[in-house]
PDB file of N, CA and C in Angstrom:
ATOM      1  N   UNK A   1      -0.913 237.338-149.481  1.00  0.00           N
ATOM      2  CA  UNK A   1      -2.037 236.758-148.777  1.00  0.00           C
ATOM      3  C   UNK A   1      -3.049 236.226-149.789  1.00  0.00           C
ATOM      4  N   UNK A   2      -3.618 235.104-149.459  1.00  0.00           N
ATOM      5  CA  UNK A   2      -4.643 234.483-150.292  1.00  0.00           C
ATOM      6  C   UNK A   2      -5.923 234.398-149.476  1.00  0.00           C
ATOM      7  N   UNK A   3      -7.018 234.848-150.064  1.00  0.00           N
ATOM      8  CA  UNK A   3      -8.333 234.690-149.447  1.00  0.00           C
ATOM      9  C   UNK A   3      -9.119 233.669-150.249  1.00  0.00           C
ATOM     10  N   UNK A   4      -9.546 232.640-149.565  1.00  0.00           N
ATOM     11  CA  UNK A   4     -10.355 231.561-150.139  1.00  0.00           C
ATOM     12  C   UNK A   4     -11.782 231.802-149.637  1.00  0.00           C
ATOM     13  N   UNK A   5     -12.672 232.135-150.549  1.00  0.00           N
ATOM     14  CA  UNK A   5     -14.048 232.479-150.192  1.00  0.00           C
ATOM     15  C   UNK A   5     -14.986 231.463-150.833  1.00  0.00           C
ATOM     16  N   UNK A   6     -15.878 230.901-150.021  1.00  0.00           N
ATOM     17  CA  UNK A   6     -16.803 229.890-150.522  1.00  0.00           C
ATOM     18  C   UNK A   6     -18.220 230.261-150.097  1.00  0.00           C
ATOM     19  N   UNK A   7     -19.123 230.261-151.066  1.00  0.00           N
ATOM     20  CA  UNK A   7     -20.549 230.471-150.814  1.00  0.00           C
ATOM     21  C   UNK A   7     -21.254 229.141-150.980  1.00  0.00           C
ATOM     22  N   UNK A   8     -22.228 228.890-150.116  1.00  0.00           N
ATOM     23  CA  UNK A   8     -22.962 227.625-150.158  1.00  0.00           C
ATOM     24  C   UNK A   8     -24.461 227.859-150.217  1.00  0.00           C
ATOM     25  N   UNK A   9     -25.142 226.996-150.968  1.00  0.00           N
ATOM     26  CA  UNK A   9     -26.601 226.911-150.919  1.00  0.00           C
ATOM     27  C   UNK A   9     -26.920 225.734-150.005  1.00  0.00           C
ATOM     28  N   UNK A  10     -27.763 225.983-149.027  1.00  0.00           N
ATOM     29  CA  UNK A  10     -28.110 224.942-148.066  1.00  0.00           C
ATOM     30  C   UNK A  10     -29.218 224.053-148.597  1.00  0.00           C
ATOM     31  N   UNK A  11     -29.219 222.807-148.149  1.00  0.00           N
ATOM     32  CA  UNK A  11     -30.336 221.907-148.438  1.00  0.00           C
ATOM     33  C   UNK A  11     -31.591 222.462-147.771  1.00  0.00           C
ATOM     34  N   UNK A  12     -32.764 222.235-148.363  1.00  0.00           N
ATOM     35  CA  UNK A  12     -34.010 222.795-147.819  1.00  0.00           C
ATOM     36  C   UNK A  12     -34.303 222.393-146.374  1.00  0.00           C
ATOM     37  N   UNK A  13     -33.845 221.226-145.954  1.00  0.00           N
ATOM     38  CA  UNK A  13     -34.159 220.761-144.600  1.00  0.00           C
ATOM     39  C   UNK A  13     -33.254 221.354-143.514  1.00  0.00           C
ATOM     40  N   UNK A  14     -32.264 222.149-143.891  1.00  0.00           N
ATOM     41  CA  UNK A  14     -31.366 222.748-142.896  1.00  0.00           C
ATOM     42  C   UNK A  14     -32.105 223.878-142.170  1.00  0.00           C
ATOM     43  N   UNK A  15     -32.271 223.694-140.878  1.00  0.00           N
ATOM     44  CA  UNK A  15     -32.977 224.667-140.036  1.00  0.00           C
ATOM     45  C   UNK A  15     -32.027 225.780-139.605  1.00  0.00           C
ATOM     46  N   UNK A  16     -32.569 226.892-139.111  1.00  0.00           N
ATOM     47  CA  UNK A  16     -31.693 227.944-138.571  1.00  0.00           C
ATOM     48  C   UNK A  16     -30.791 227.421-137.449  1.00  0.00           C
ATOM     49  N   UNK A  17     -31.305 226.505-136.638  1.00  0.00           N
ATOM     50  CA  UNK A  17     -30.499 225.932-135.564  1.00  0.00           C
ATOM     51  C   UNK A  17     -29.343 225.091-136.125  1.00  0.00           C
ATOM     52  N   UNK A  18     -29.625 224.333-137.173  1.00  0.00           N
ATOM     53  CA  UNK A  18     -28.579 223.536-137.812  1.00  0.00           C
ATOM     54  C   UNK A  18     -27.521 224.440-138.422  1.00  0.00           C
ATOM     55  N   UNK A  19     -27.930 225.548-139.016  1.00  0.00           N
ATOM     56  CA  UNK A  19     -26.980 226.491-139.591  1.00  0.00           C
ATOM     57  C   UNK A  19     -26.076 227.071-138.505  1.00  0.00           C
ATOM     58  N   UNK A  20     -26.634 227.379-137.354  1.00  0.00           N
ATOM     59  CA  UNK A  20     -25.824 227.866-136.225  1.00  0.00           C
ATOM     60  C   UNK A  20     -24.791 226.811-135.820  1.00  0.00           C
ATOM     61  N   UNK A  21     -25.212 225.555-135.795  1.00  0.00           N
ATOM     62  CA  UNK A  21     -24.296 224.458-135.470  1.00  0.00           C
ATOM     63  C   UNK A  21     -23.194 224.364-136.522  1.00  0.00           C
ATOM     64  N   UNK A  22     -23.554 224.500-137.786  1.00  0.00           N
ATOM     65  CA  UNK A  22     -22.564 224.463-138.864  1.00  0.00           C
ATOM     66  C   UNK A  22     -21.529 225.564-138.690  1.00  0.00           C
ATOM     67  N   UNK A  23     -21.974 226.749-138.304  1.00  0.00           N
ATOM     68  CA  UNK A  23     -21.047 227.861-138.110  1.00  0.00           C
ATOM     69  C   UNK A  23     -20.073 227.560-136.968  1.00  0.00           C
ATOM     70  N   UNK A  24     -20.571 227.004-135.880  1.00  0.00           N
ATOM     71  CA  UNK A  24     -19.694 226.631-134.761  1.00  0.00           C
ATOM     72  C   UNK A  24     -18.706 225.541-135.191  1.00  0.00           C
ATOM     73  N   UNK A  25     -19.200 224.537-135.901  1.00  0.00           N
ATOM     74  CA  UNK A  25     -18.325 223.456-136.371  1.00  0.00           C
ATOM     75  C   UNK A  25     -17.249 223.985-137.319  1.00  0.00           C
ATOM     76  N   UNK A  26     -17.629 224.916-138.167  1.00  0.00           N
ATOM     77  CA  UNK A  26     -16.671 225.501-139.104  1.00  0.00           C
ATOM     78  C   UNK A  26     -15.519 226.140-138.348  1.00  0.00           C
ATOM     79  N   UNK A  27     -15.856 226.962-137.365  1.00  0.00           N
ATOM     80  CA  UNK A  27     -14.805 227.639-136.601  1.00  0.00           C
ATOM     81  C   UNK A  27     -13.948 226.651-135.797  1.00  0.00           C
ATOM     82  N   UNK A  28     -14.591 225.736-135.103  1.00  0.00           N
ATOM     83  CA  UNK A  28     -13.825 224.835-134.238  1.00  0.00           C
ATOM     84  C   UNK A  28     -12.980 223.845-135.027  1.00  0.00           C
ATOM     85  N   UNK A  29     -13.474 223.379-136.169  1.00  0.00           N
ATOM     86  CA  UNK A  29     -12.726 222.375-136.922  1.00  0.00           C
ATOM     87  C   UNK A  29     -11.653 222.979-137.817  1.00  0.00           C
ATOM     88  N   UNK A  30     -11.986 224.035-138.548  1.00  0.00           N
ATOM     89  CA  UNK A  30     -11.025 224.566-139.516  1.00  0.00           C
ATOM     90  C   UNK A  30      -9.918 225.387-138.867  1.00  0.00           C
ATOM     91  N   UNK A  31     -10.184 225.986-137.716  1.00  0.00           N
ATOM     92  CA  UNK A  31      -9.128 226.753-137.046  1.00  0.00           C
ATOM     93  C   UNK A  31      -8.052 225.858-136.438  1.00  0.00           C
ATOM     94  N   UNK A  32      -8.265 224.562-136.425  1.00  0.00           N
ATOM     95  CA  UNK A  32      -7.248 223.613-135.962  1.00  0.00           C
ATOM     96  C   UNK A  32      -6.182 223.360-137.029  1.00  0.00           C
ATOM     97  N   UNK A  33      -6.446 223.786-138.250  1.00  0.00           N
ATOM     98  CA  UNK A  33      -5.521 223.554-139.359  1.00  0.00           C
ATOM     99  C   UNK A  33      -4.448 224.637-139.317  1.00  0.00           C
ATOM    100  N   UNK A  34      -3.206 224.228-139.203  1.00  0.00           N
ATOM    101  CA  UNK A  34      -2.092 225.150-139.011  1.00  0.00           C
ATOM    102  C   UNK A  34      -1.906 226.191-140.102  1.00  0.00           C
ATOM    103  N   UNK A  35      -2.280 225.882-141.319  1.00  0.00           N
ATOM    104  CA  UNK A  35      -2.089 226.818-142.435  1.00  0.00           C
ATOM    105  C   UNK A  35      -3.075 227.983-142.407  1.00  0.00           C
ATOM    106  N   UNK A  36      -4.149 227.861-141.652  1.00  0.00           N
ATOM    107  CA  UNK A  36      -5.199 228.891-141.602  1.00  0.00           C
ATOM    108  C   UNK A  36      -4.719 230.061-140.743  1.00  0.00           C
ATOM    109  N   UNK A  37      -4.642 231.244-141.361  1.00  0.00           N
ATOM    110  CA  UNK A  37      -4.280 232.450-140.613  1.00  0.00           C
ATOM    111  C   UNK A  37      -5.501 233.067-139.944  1.00  0.00           C
ATOM    112  N   UNK A  38      -6.614 233.086-140.655  1.00  0.00           N
ATOM    113  CA  UNK A  38      -7.862 233.594-140.082  1.00  0.00           C
ATOM    114  C   UNK A  38      -9.023 232.951-140.811  1.00  0.00           C
ATOM    115  N   UNK A  39     -10.163 232.938-140.150  1.00  0.00           N
ATOM    116  CA  UNK A  39     -11.353 232.320-140.715  1.00  0.00           C
ATOM    117  C   UNK A  39     -12.573 233.124-140.295  1.00  0.00           C
ATOM    118  N   UNK A  40     -13.453 233.339-141.228  1.00  0.00           N
ATOM    119  CA  UNK A  40     -14.738 233.966-140.955  1.00  0.00           C
ATOM    120  C   UNK A  40     -15.804 233.113-141.625  1.00  0.00           C
ATOM    121  N   UNK A  41     -16.958 233.016-140.996  1.00  0.00           N
ATOM    122  CA  UNK A  41     -18.081 232.333-141.617  1.00  0.00           C
ATOM    123  C   UNK A  41     -19.350 233.007-141.122  1.00  0.00           C
ATOM    124  N   UNK A  42     -20.425 232.826-141.880  1.00  0.00           N
ATOM    125  CA  UNK A  42     -21.663 233.457-141.461  1.00  0.00           C
ATOM    126  C   UNK A  42     -22.833 233.055-142.321  1.00  0.00           C
ATOM    127  N   UNK A  43     -23.995 233.583-141.905  1.00  0.00           N
ATOM    128  CA  UNK A  43     -25.237 233.303-142.624  1.00  0.00           C
ATOM    129  C   UNK A  43     -25.709 234.566-143.324  1.00  0.00           C
ATOM    130  N   UNK A  44     -26.341 234.368-144.440  1.00  0.00           N
ATOM    131  CA  UNK A  44     -26.839 235.478-145.241  1.00  0.00           C
ATOM    132  C   UNK A  44     -28.063 236.088-144.565  1.00  0.00           C
ATOM    133  N   UNK A  45     -28.123 237.421-144.500  1.00  0.00           N
ATOM    134  CA  UNK A  45     -29.269 238.092-143.887  1.00  0.00           C
ATOM    135  C   UNK A  45     -30.320 238.509-144.913  1.00  0.00           C
ATOM    136  N   UNK A  46     -30.032 238.266-146.197  1.00  0.00           N
ATOM    137  CA  UNK A  46     -30.989 238.578-147.260  1.00  0.00           C
ATOM    138  C   UNK A  46     -31.836 237.335-147.546  1.00  0.00           C
ATOM    139  N   UNK A  47     -33.109 237.328-147.154  1.00  0.00           N
ATOM    140  CA  UNK A  47     -33.934 236.131-147.342  1.00  0.00           C
ATOM    141  C   UNK A  47     -34.172 235.769-148.811  1.00  0.00           C
ATOM    142  N   UNK A  48     -33.912 236.688-149.731  1.00  0.00           N
ATOM    143  CA  UNK A  48     -34.113 236.426-151.158  1.00  0.00           C
ATOM    144  C   UNK A  48     -32.914 235.728-151.794  1.00  0.00           C
ATOM    145  N   UNK A  49     -31.793 235.708-151.102  1.00  0.00           N
ATOM    146  CA  UNK A  49     -30.577 235.112-151.650  1.00  0.00           C
ATOM    147  C   UNK A  49     -30.578 233.602-151.442  1.00  0.00           C
ATOM    148  N   UNK A  50     -30.082 232.892-152.426  1.00  0.00           N
ATOM    149  CA  UNK A  50     -29.949 231.441-152.324  1.00  0.00           C
ATOM    150  C   UNK A  50     -28.641 231.013-151.672  1.00  0.00           C
ATOM    151  N   UNK A  51     -27.669 231.919-151.595  1.00  0.00           N
ATOM    152  CA  UNK A  51     -26.369 231.603-151.009  1.00  0.00           C
ATOM    153  C   UNK A  51     -26.458 231.882-149.513  1.00  0.00           C
ATOM    154  N   UNK A  52     -26.839 230.851-148.746  1.00  0.00           N
ATOM    155  CA  UNK A  52     -27.201 231.021-147.340  1.00  0.00           C
ATOM    156  C   UNK A  52     -26.027 231.074-146.374  1.00  0.00           C
ATOM    157  N   UNK A  53     -24.887 230.533-146.760  1.00  0.00           N
ATOM    158  CA  UNK A  53     -23.772 230.349-145.832  1.00  0.00           C
ATOM    159  C   UNK A  53     -22.473 230.650-146.557  1.00  0.00           C
ATOM    160  N   UNK A  54     -21.535 231.284-145.857  1.00  0.00           N
ATOM    161  CA  UNK A  54     -20.240 231.558-146.475  1.00  0.00           C
ATOM    162  C   UNK A  54     -19.120 231.250-145.494  1.00  0.00           C
ATOM    163  N   UNK A  55     -17.954 231.023-146.074  1.00  0.00           N
ATOM    164  CA  UNK A  55     -16.756 230.995-145.262  1.00  0.00           C
ATOM    165  C   UNK A  55     -15.637 231.661-146.042  1.00  0.00           C
ATOM    166  N   UNK A  56     -14.778 232.348-145.319  1.00  0.00           N
ATOM    167  CA  UNK A  56     -13.624 233.028-145.904  1.00  0.00           C
ATOM    168  C   UNK A  56     -12.411 232.662-145.058  1.00  0.00           C
ATOM    169  N   UNK A  57     -11.404 232.123-145.716  1.00  0.00           N
ATOM    170  CA  UNK A  57     -10.212 231.656-145.016  1.00  0.00           C
ATOM    171  C   UNK A  57      -9.000 232.365-145.612  1.00  0.00           C
ATOM    172  N   UNK A  58      -8.129 232.826-144.731  1.00  0.00           N
ATOM    173  CA  UNK A  58      -6.935 233.553-145.155  1.00  0.00           C
ATOM    174  C   UNK A  58      -5.703 232.658-145.010  1.00  0.00           C
ATOM    175  N   UNK A  59      -4.855 232.685-146.048  1.00  0.00           N
ATOM    176  CA  UNK A  59      -3.625 231.905-146.066  1.00  0.00           C
ATOM    177  C   UNK A  59      -2.454 232.785-146.454  1.00  0.00           C
ATOM    178  N   UNK A  60      -1.281 232.352-146.068  1.00  0.00           N
ATOM    179  CA  UNK A  60      -0.052 233.065-146.381  1.00  0.00           C
ATOM    180  C   UNK A  60       0.287 232.967-147.872  1.00  0.00           C
ATOM    181  N   UNK A  61      -0.051 231.837-148.509  1.00  0.00           N
ATOM    182  CA  UNK A  61       0.359 231.602-149.895  1.00  0.00           C
ATOM    183  C   UNK A  61      -0.550 230.561-150.549  1.00  0.00           C
ATOM    184  N   UNK A  62      -0.400 230.421-151.857  1.00  0.00           N
ATOM    185  CA  UNK A  62      -1.157 229.388-152.560  1.00  0.00           C
ATOM    186  C   UNK A  62      -0.696 227.996-152.128  1.00  0.00           C
ATOM    187  N   UNK A  63       0.557 227.875-151.734  1.00  0.00           N
ATOM    188  CA  UNK A  63       1.062 226.598-151.243  1.00  0.00           C
ATOM    189  C   UNK A  63       0.353 226.200-149.937  1.00  0.00           C
ATOM    190  N   UNK A  64       0.134 227.186-149.061  1.00  0.00           N
ATOM    191  CA  UNK A  64      -0.569 226.918-147.793  1.00  0.00           C
ATOM    192  C   UNK A  64      -2.039 226.565-148.065  1.00  0.00           C
ATOM    193  N   UNK A  65      -2.632 227.204-149.061  1.00  0.00           N
ATOM    194  CA  UNK A  65      -4.006 226.874-149.454  1.00  0.00           C
ATOM    195  C   UNK A  65      -4.077 225.424-149.925  1.00  0.00           C
ATOM    196  N   UNK A  66      -3.106 225.000-150.718  1.00  0.00           N
ATOM    197  CA  UNK A  66      -3.081 223.618-151.214  1.00  0.00           C
ATOM    198  C   UNK A  66      -2.941 222.624-150.056  1.00  0.00           C
ATOM    199  N   UNK A  67      -2.111 222.945-149.072  1.00  0.00           N
ATOM    200  CA  UNK A  67      -1.966 222.076-147.900  1.00  0.00           C
ATOM    201  C   UNK A  67      -3.278 221.986-147.124  1.00  0.00           C
ATOM    202  N   UNK A  68      -3.965 223.107-147.001  1.00  0.00           N
ATOM    203  CA  UNK A  68      -5.273 223.151-146.332  1.00  0.00           C
ATOM    204  C   UNK A  68      -6.269 222.245-147.047  1.00  0.00           C
ATOM    205  N   UNK A  69      -6.341 222.365-148.359  1.00  0.00           N
ATOM    206  CA  UNK A  69      -7.299 221.571-149.134  1.00  0.00           C
ATOM    207  C   UNK A  69      -7.073 220.072-148.968  1.00  0.00           C
ATOM    208  N   UNK A  70      -5.819 219.679-148.820  1.00  0.00           N
ATOM    209  CA  UNK A  70      -5.490 218.259-148.683  1.00  0.00           C
ATOM    210  C   UNK A  70      -5.443 217.784-147.236  1.00  0.00           C
ATOM    211  N   UNK A  71      -5.625 218.703-146.303  1.00  0.00           N
ATOM    212  CA  UNK A  71      -5.551 218.373-144.882  1.00  0.00           C
ATOM    213  C   UNK A  71      -6.649 217.388-144.490  1.00  0.00           C
ATOM    214  N   UNK A  72      -6.308 216.414-143.660  1.00  0.00           N
ATOM    215  CA  UNK A  72      -7.292 215.439-143.174  1.00  0.00           C
ATOM    216  C   UNK A  72      -8.418 216.138-142.405  1.00  0.00           C
ATOM    217  N   UNK A  73      -8.091 217.178-141.660  1.00  0.00           N
ATOM    218  CA  UNK A  73      -9.117 217.917-140.914  1.00  0.00           C
ATOM    219  C   UNK A  73     -10.104 218.605-141.862  1.00  0.00           C
ATOM    220  N   UNK A  74      -9.588 219.186-142.943  1.00  0.00           N
ATOM    221  CA  UNK A  74     -10.462 219.840-143.919  1.00  0.00           C
ATOM    222  C   UNK A  74     -11.343 218.815-144.631  1.00  0.00           C
ATOM    223  N   UNK A  75     -10.745 217.715-145.040  1.00  0.00           N
ATOM    224  CA  UNK A  75     -11.509 216.681-145.747  1.00  0.00           C
ATOM    225  C   UNK A  75     -12.604 216.103-144.851  1.00  0.00           C
ATOM    226  N   UNK A  76     -12.307 215.913-143.572  1.00  0.00           N
ATOM    227  CA  UNK A  76     -13.301 215.429-142.620  1.00  0.00           C
ATOM    228  C   UNK A  76     -14.435 216.448-142.462  1.00  0.00           C
ATOM    229  N   UNK A  77     -14.086 217.723-142.363  1.00  0.00           N
ATOM    230  CA  UNK A  77     -15.082 218.803-142.261  1.00  0.00           C
ATOM    231  C   UNK A  77     -16.015 218.786-143.471  1.00  0.00           C
ATOM    232  N   UNK A  78     -15.451 218.673-144.654  1.00  0.00           N
ATOM    233  CA  UNK A  78     -16.263 218.655-145.881  1.00  0.00           C
ATOM    234  C   UNK A  78     -17.223 217.470-145.853  1.00  0.00           C
ATOM    235  N   UNK A  79     -16.738 216.303-145.468  1.00  0.00           N
ATOM    236  CA  UNK A  79     -17.584 215.101-145.444  1.00  0.00           C
ATOM    237  C   UNK A  79     -18.672 215.167-144.380  1.00  0.00           C
ATOM    238  N   UNK A  80     -18.350 215.689-143.214  1.00  0.00           N
ATOM    239  CA  UNK A  80     -19.284 215.661-142.090  1.00  0.00           C
ATOM    240  C   UNK A  80     -20.198 216.883-141.985  1.00  0.00           C
ATOM    241  N   UNK A  81     -19.731 218.034-142.443  1.00  0.00           N
ATOM    242  CA  UNK A  81     -20.506 219.269-142.267  1.00  0.00           C
ATOM    243  C   UNK A  81     -21.060 219.791-143.595  1.00  0.00           C
ATOM    244  N   UNK A  82     -20.210 219.885-144.592  1.00  0.00           N
ATOM    245  CA  UNK A  82     -20.619 220.524-145.847  1.00  0.00           C
ATOM    246  C   UNK A  82     -21.480 219.613-146.715  1.00  0.00           C
ATOM    247  N   UNK A  83     -20.995 218.459-147.059  1.00  0.00           N
ATOM    248  CA  UNK A  83     -21.736 217.591-147.982  1.00  0.00           C
ATOM    249  C   UNK A  83     -23.142 217.231-147.513  1.00  0.00           C
ATOM    250  N   UNK A  84     -23.356 216.910-146.241  1.00  0.00           N
ATOM    251  CA  UNK A  84     -24.716 216.542-145.816  1.00  0.00           C
ATOM    252  C   UNK A  84     -25.706 217.719-145.775  1.00  0.00           C
ATOM    253  N   UNK A  85     -25.192 218.950-145.772  1.00  0.00           N
ATOM    254  CA  UNK A  85     -26.060 220.106-145.542  1.00  0.00           C
ATOM    255  C   UNK A  85     -26.146 221.100-146.688  1.00  0.00           C
ATOM    256  N   UNK A  86     -25.364 220.904-147.732  1.00  0.00           N
ATOM    257  CA  UNK A  86     -25.367 221.864-148.838  1.00  0.00           C
ATOM    258  C   UNK A  86     -25.618 221.155-150.165  1.00  0.00           C
ATOM    259  N   UNK A  87     -26.104 221.921-151.131  1.00  0.00           N
ATOM    260  CA  UNK A  87     -26.386 221.342-152.445  1.00  0.00           C
ATOM    261  C   UNK A  87     -25.590 222.013-153.563  1.00  0.00           C
ATOM    262  N   UNK A  88     -24.957 223.135-153.250  1.00  0.00           N
ATOM    263  CA  UNK A  88     -24.180 223.834-154.276  1.00  0.00           C
ATOM    264  C   UNK A  88     -23.171 224.727-153.588  1.00  0.00           C
ATOM    265  N   UNK A  89     -22.026 224.935-154.287  1.00  0.00           N
ATOM    266  CA  UNK A  89     -21.001 225.818-153.737  1.00  0.00           C
ATOM    267  C   UNK A  89     -20.373 226.639-154.846  1.00  0.00           C
ATOM    268  N   UNK A  90     -19.886 227.799-154.471  1.00  0.00           N
ATOM    269  CA  UNK A  90     -19.148 228.676-155.378  1.00  0.00           C
ATOM    270  C   UNK A  90     -17.901 229.108-154.629  1.00  0.00           C
ATOM    271  N   UNK A  91     -16.731 228.742-155.147  1.00  0.00           N
ATOM    272  CA  UNK A  91     -15.474 229.062-154.474  1.00  0.00           C
ATOM    273  C   UNK A  91     -14.624 229.951-155.365  1.00  0.00           C
ATOM    274  N   UNK A  92     -14.006 230.952-154.743  1.00  0.00           N
ATOM    275  CA  UNK A  92     -13.071 231.838-155.440  1.00  0.00           C
ATOM    276  C   UNK A  92     -11.878 232.086-154.535  1.00  0.00           C
ATOM    277  N   UNK A  93     -10.721 232.265-155.151  1.00  0.00           N
ATOM    278  CA  UNK A  93      -9.492 232.550-154.422  1.00  0.00           C
ATOM    279  C   UNK A  93      -8.927 233.869-154.928  1.00  0.00           C
ATOM    280  N   UNK A  94      -8.601 234.756-153.995  1.00  0.00           N
ATOM    281  CA  UNK A  94      -8.084 236.075-154.337  1.00  0.00           C
ATOM    282  C   UNK A  94      -6.728 236.295-153.705  1.00  0.00           C
ATOM    283  N   UNK A  95      -5.835 236.912-154.459  1.00  0.00           N
ATOM    284  CA  UNK A  95      -4.551 237.313-153.906  1.00  0.00           C
ATOM    285  C   UNK A  95      -4.668 238.760-153.448  1.00  0.00           C
ATOM    286  N   UNK A  96      -4.323 238.978-152.205  1.00  0.00           N
ATOM    287  CA  UNK A  96      -4.370 240.319-151.629  1.00  0.00           C
ATOM    288  C   UNK A  96      -2.941 240.854-151.548  1.00  0.00           C
ATOM    289  N   UNK A  97      -2.763 242.077-151.955  1.00  0.00           N
ATOM    290  CA  UNK A  97      -1.462 242.730-151.883  1.00  0.00           C
ATOM    291  C   UNK A  97      -0.370 241.893-152.543  1.00  0.00           C
ATOM    292  N   UNK A  98      -0.541 241.586-153.839  1.00  0.00           N
ATOM    293  CA  UNK A  98       0.463 240.763-154.518  1.00  0.00           C
ATOM    294  C   UNK A  98       1.842 241.409-154.453  1.00  0.00           C
ATOM    295  N   UNK A  99       2.827 240.582-154.243  1.00  0.00           N
ATOM    296  CA  UNK A  99       4.201 241.059-154.209  1.00  0.00           C
ATOM    297  C   UNK A  99       4.641 241.590-152.861  1.00  0.00           C
ATOM    298  N   UNK A 100       3.715 241.772-151.938  1.00  0.00           N
ATOM    299  CA  UNK A 100       4.075 242.304-150.621  1.00  0.00           C
ATOM    300  C   UNK A 100       4.644 241.183-149.758  1.00  0.00           C
ATOM    301  N   UNK A 101       5.730 241.460-149.098  1.00  0.00           N
ATOM    302  CA  UNK A 101       6.336 240.486-148.188  1.00  0.00           C
ATOM    303  C   UNK A 101       5.544 240.496-146.889  1.00  0.00           C
ATOM    304  N   UNK A 102       4.882 239.372-146.564  1.00  0.00           N
ATOM    305  CA  UNK A 102       3.999 239.337-145.413  1.00  0.00           C
ATOM    306  C   UNK A 102       4.739 239.472-144.078  1.00  0.00           C
ATOM    307  N   UNK A 103       6.062 239.289-144.089  1.00  0.00           N
ATOM    308  CA  UNK A 103       6.813 239.453-142.835  1.00  0.00           C
ATOM    309  C   UNK A 103       6.727 240.876-142.317  1.00  0.00           C
ATOM    310  N   UNK A 104       6.392 241.812-143.187  1.00  0.00           N
ATOM    311  CA  UNK A 104       6.333 243.220-142.794  1.00  0.00           C
ATOM    312  C   UNK A 104       4.915 243.732-142.671  1.00  0.00           C
ATOM    313  N   UNK A 105       3.947 242.826-142.612  1.00  0.00           N
ATOM    314  CA  UNK A 105       2.534 243.200-142.491  1.00  0.00           C
ATOM    315  C   UNK A 105       2.177 243.428-141.036  1.00  0.00           C
TER     316      UNK A 105
END
């Protein structure tokens, strides 16, 4: 299993209402991508943190992650939701349970 985790800093003009809309758009748009096994997103509850928004996406393999990144739906999401509303991102990918055959999970 691969977990793709991304933290975002929002543009100053993004309101709490806009952030709620972004969270809904994230779920509705990215869950349409067949390679996505699960998706979580949310807003930071620590007002001192600059990383206001996160998303975590689970994939079966690094190959599925690569297909997701190149997916037209993902690219459209980035252009329409992420780029207009964020100014910085931090992305990390983690392998969970390396070597485990996911058919038996």
